[in-house]
Amino acid sequence: MTFHISLIHYLLLSAVLFSLGIYAVVTRRNAILVLMGIELMLNAANINFIAFSRYSGTNLDGQLVAVFVIILAACEAAVALAIVLNMFHQFNTVNVDEVHSLKD
């Protein structure tokens, strides 16, 4: 019995990951967990890029865009973690609901 993975399987996996990312961003108060939700959403987009690249033809455009998104996500994580560390230093919390202003 052979089972072939089609484009629908990749799209369903991507939709589940994206939904989990949206859920994490909307429901979490901890800034680190919000960042993890954003990373899940970026990975879901990467799965879509690679799946469409594989099933649309022989070009590598999807893989190139996915590598660019991975590099962008690494930069975003570094900047966001620096902001979270500054937020913890200023307010002694990483809960985004408790931080009212970053002006000071």
C-alpha atoms as a PDB file:
ATOM      1  CA  MET A   1       0.000   0.000   0.000  1.00  0.00           C
ATOM      2  CA  THR A   2       1.538   3.239  -1.100  1.00  0.00           C
ATOM      3  CA  PHE A   3       0.497   6.632   0.095  1.00  0.00           C
ATOM      4  CA  HIS A   4       1.372   9.685  -1.928  1.00  0.00           C
ATOM      5  CA  ILE A   5       1.643  13.041  -0.222  1.00  0.00           C
ATOM      6  CA  SER A   6      -0.052  15.668  -2.314  1.00  0.00           C
ATOM      7  CA  LEU A   7      -0.268  19.444  -2.190  1.00  0.00           C
ATOM      8  CA  ILE A   8      -3.402  19.240  -0.038  1.00  0.00           C
ATOM      9  CA  HIS A   9      -1.466  17.536   2.757  1.00  0.00           C
ATOM     10  CA  TYR A  10       1.101  20.331   2.824  1.00  0.00           C
ATOM     11  CA  LEU A  11      -1.627  22.968   2.781  1.00  0.00           C
ATOM     12  CA  LEU A  12      -3.487  21.299   5.646  1.00  0.00           C
ATOM     13  CA  LEU A  13      -0.306  21.102   7.716  1.00  0.00           C
ATOM     14  CA  SER A  14       0.417  24.732   6.964  1.00  0.00           C
ATOM     15  CA  ALA A  15      -3.125  25.767   7.909  1.00  0.00           C
ATOM     16  CA  VAL A  16      -2.877  23.929  11.228  1.00  0.00           C
ATOM     17  CA  LEU A  17       0.487  25.535  12.031  1.00  0.00           C
ATOM     18  CA  PHE A  18      -0.774  28.981  11.052  1.00  0.00           C
ATOM     19  CA  SER A  19      -3.912  28.525  13.178  1.00  0.00           C
ATOM     20  CA  LEU A  20      -1.806  27.481  16.175  1.00  0.00           C
ATOM     21  CA  GLY A  21       0.374  30.554  15.637  1.00  0.00           C
ATOM     22  CA  ILE A  22      -2.639  32.868  15.510  1.00  0.00           C
ATOM     23  CA  TYR A  23      -4.018  31.231  18.646  1.00  0.00           C
ATOM     24  CA  ALA A  24      -0.691  31.729  20.445  1.00  0.00           C
ATOM     25  CA  VAL A  25      -0.473  35.398  19.447  1.00  0.00           C
ATOM     26  CA  VAL A  26      -4.056  36.205  20.401  1.00  0.00           C
ATOM     27  CA  THR A  27      -4.337  34.319  23.686  1.00  0.00           C
ATOM     28  CA  ARG A  28      -0.891  34.605  25.272  1.00  0.00           C
ATOM     29  CA  ARG A  29       0.241  37.423  27.508  1.00  0.00           C
ATOM     30  CA  ASN A  30       3.863  36.394  27.726  1.00  0.00           C
ATOM     31  CA  ALA A  31       5.981  38.160  25.094  1.00  0.00           C
ATOM     32  CA  ILE A  32       8.162  35.083  24.508  1.00  0.00           C
ATOM     33  CA  LEU A  33       5.114  32.944  23.719  1.00  0.00           C
ATOM     34  CA  VAL A  34       3.804  35.630  21.363  1.00  0.00           C
ATOM     35  CA  LEU A  35       7.141  35.517  19.529  1.00  0.00           C
ATOM     36  CA  MET A  36       6.882  31.730  19.308  1.00  0.00           C
ATOM     37  CA  GLY A  37       3.432  32.136  17.732  1.00  0.00           C
ATOM     38  CA  ILE A  38       4.866  34.499  15.142  1.00  0.00           C
ATOM     39  CA  GLU A  39       7.584  31.967  14.364  1.00  0.00           C
ATOM     40  CA  LEU A  40       4.916  29.282  13.852  1.00  0.00           C
ATOM     41  CA  MET A  41       3.130  31.533  11.375  1.00  0.00           C
ATOM     42  CA  LEU A  42       6.364  32.203   9.473  1.00  0.00           C
ATOM     43  CA  ASN A  43       7.103  28.463   9.319  1.00  0.00           C
ATOM     44  CA  ALA A  44       3.598  27.825   7.982  1.00  0.00           C
ATOM     45  CA  ALA A  45       4.279  30.329   5.206  1.00  0.00           C
ATOM     46  CA  ASN A  46       7.579  28.570   4.469  1.00  0.00           C
ATOM     47  CA  ILE A  47       5.787  25.251   4.079  1.00  0.00           C
ATOM     48  CA  ASN A  48       3.437  26.881   1.574  1.00  0.00           C
ATOM     49  CA  PHE A  49       6.311  28.422  -0.399  1.00  0.00           C
ATOM     50  CA  ILE A  50       8.154  25.127  -0.651  1.00  0.00           C
ATOM     51  CA  ALA A  51       5.050  23.061  -1.415  1.00  0.00           C
ATOM     52  CA  PHE A  52       3.918  25.370  -4.204  1.00  0.00           C
ATOM     53  CA  SER A  53       7.442  25.459  -5.578  1.00  0.00           C
ATOM     54  CA  ARG A  54       7.590  21.662  -5.641  1.00  0.00           C
ATOM     55  CA  TYR A  55       4.209  21.115  -7.257  1.00  0.00           C
ATOM     56  CA  SER A  56       4.278  24.025  -9.718  1.00  0.00           C
ATOM     57  CA  GLY A  57       7.418  23.132 -11.629  1.00  0.00           C
ATOM     58  CA  THR A  58      11.140  22.724 -11.425  1.00  0.00           C
ATOM     59  CA  ASN A  59      12.113  26.241 -10.401  1.00  0.00           C
ATOM     60  CA  LEU A  60      13.611  26.952  -6.995  1.00  0.00           C
ATOM     61  CA  ASP A  61      11.834  30.241  -6.314  1.00  0.00           C
ATOM     62  CA  GLY A  62       9.917  28.836  -3.325  1.00  0.00           C
ATOM     63  CA  GLN A  63      13.047  27.511  -1.671  1.00  0.00           C
ATOM     64  CA  LEU A  64      14.821  30.848  -2.158  1.00  0.00           C
ATOM     65  CA  VAL A  65      11.929  32.755  -0.624  1.00  0.00           C
ATOM     66  CA  ALA A  66      11.803  30.276   2.267  1.00  0.00           C
ATOM     67  CA  VAL A  67      15.514  30.789   2.982  1.00  0.00           C
ATOM     68  CA  PHE A  68      14.939  34.548   2.905  1.00  0.00           C
ATOM     69  CA  VAL A  69      12.044  34.174   5.380  1.00  0.00           C
ATOM     70  CA  ILE A  70      14.230  32.037   7.672  1.00  0.00           C
ATOM     71  CA  ILE A  71      16.927  34.726   7.637  1.00  0.00           C
ATOM     72  CA  LEU A  72      14.295  37.400   8.287  1.00  0.00           C
ATOM     73  CA  ALA A  73      12.867  35.354  11.177  1.00  0.00           C
ATOM     74  CA  ALA A  74      16.317  35.021  12.761  1.00  0.00           C
ATOM     75  CA  CYS A  75      16.803  38.790  12.600  1.00  0.00           C
ATOM     76  CA  GLU A  76      13.313  39.367  13.951  1.00  0.00           C
ATOM     77  CA  ALA A  77      13.957  37.004  16.841  1.00  0.00           C
ATOM     78  CA  ALA A  78      17.194  38.769  17.773  1.00  0.00           C
ATOM     79  CA  VAL A  79      15.597  42.226  17.758  1.00  0.00           C
ATOM     80  CA  ALA A  80      12.451  41.026  19.536  1.00  0.00           C
ATOM     81  CA  LEU A  81      14.414  39.270  22.270  1.00  0.00           C
ATOM     82  CA  ALA A  82      16.442  42.451  22.805  1.00  0.00           C
ATOM     83  CA  ILE A  83      13.168  44.352  23.216  1.00  0.00           C
ATOM     84  CA  VAL A  84      11.865  41.703  25.646  1.00  0.00           C
ATOM     85  CA  LEU A  85      15.058  41.908  27.697  1.00  0.00           C
ATOM     86  CA  ASN A  86      14.750  45.693  27.818  1.00  0.00           C
ATOM     87  CA  MET A  87      11.101  45.350  28.803  1.00  0.00           C
ATOM     88  CA  PHE A  88      12.032  42.983  31.641  1.00  0.00           C
ATOM     89  CA  HIS A  89      14.800  45.332  32.777  1.00  0.00           C
ATOM     90  CA  GLN A  90      12.447  48.327  32.847  1.00  0.00           C
ATOM     91  CA  PHE A  91       9.229  46.762  34.161  1.00  0.00           C
ATOM     92  CA  ASN A  92      10.328  43.454  35.778  1.00  0.00           C
ATOM     93  CA  THR A  93       7.791  41.539  33.701  1.00  0.00           C
ATOM     94  CA  VAL A  94       7.468  40.053  30.230  1.00  0.00           C
ATOM     95  CA  ASN A  95       3.655  40.137  30.184  1.00  0.00           C
ATOM     96  CA  VAL A  96       2.562  42.417  27.382  1.00  0.00           C
ATOM     97  CA  ASP A  97      -0.654  43.360  29.226  1.00  0.00           C
ATOM     98  CA  GLU A  98       1.247  44.846  32.157  1.00  0.00           C
ATOM     99  CA  VAL A  99       3.541  47.067  30.085  1.00  0.00           C
ATOM    100  CA  HIS A 100       1.813  50.358  29.388  1.00  0.00           C
ATOM    101  CA  SER A 101       4.575  52.515  27.946  1.00  0.00           C
ATOM    102  CA  LEU A 102       8.093  52.093  26.648  1.00  0.00           C
ATOM    103  CA  LYS A 103       8.728  55.867  26.430  1.00  0.00           C
ATOM    104  CA  ASP A 104      10.814  56.098  29.599  1.00  0.00           C
END
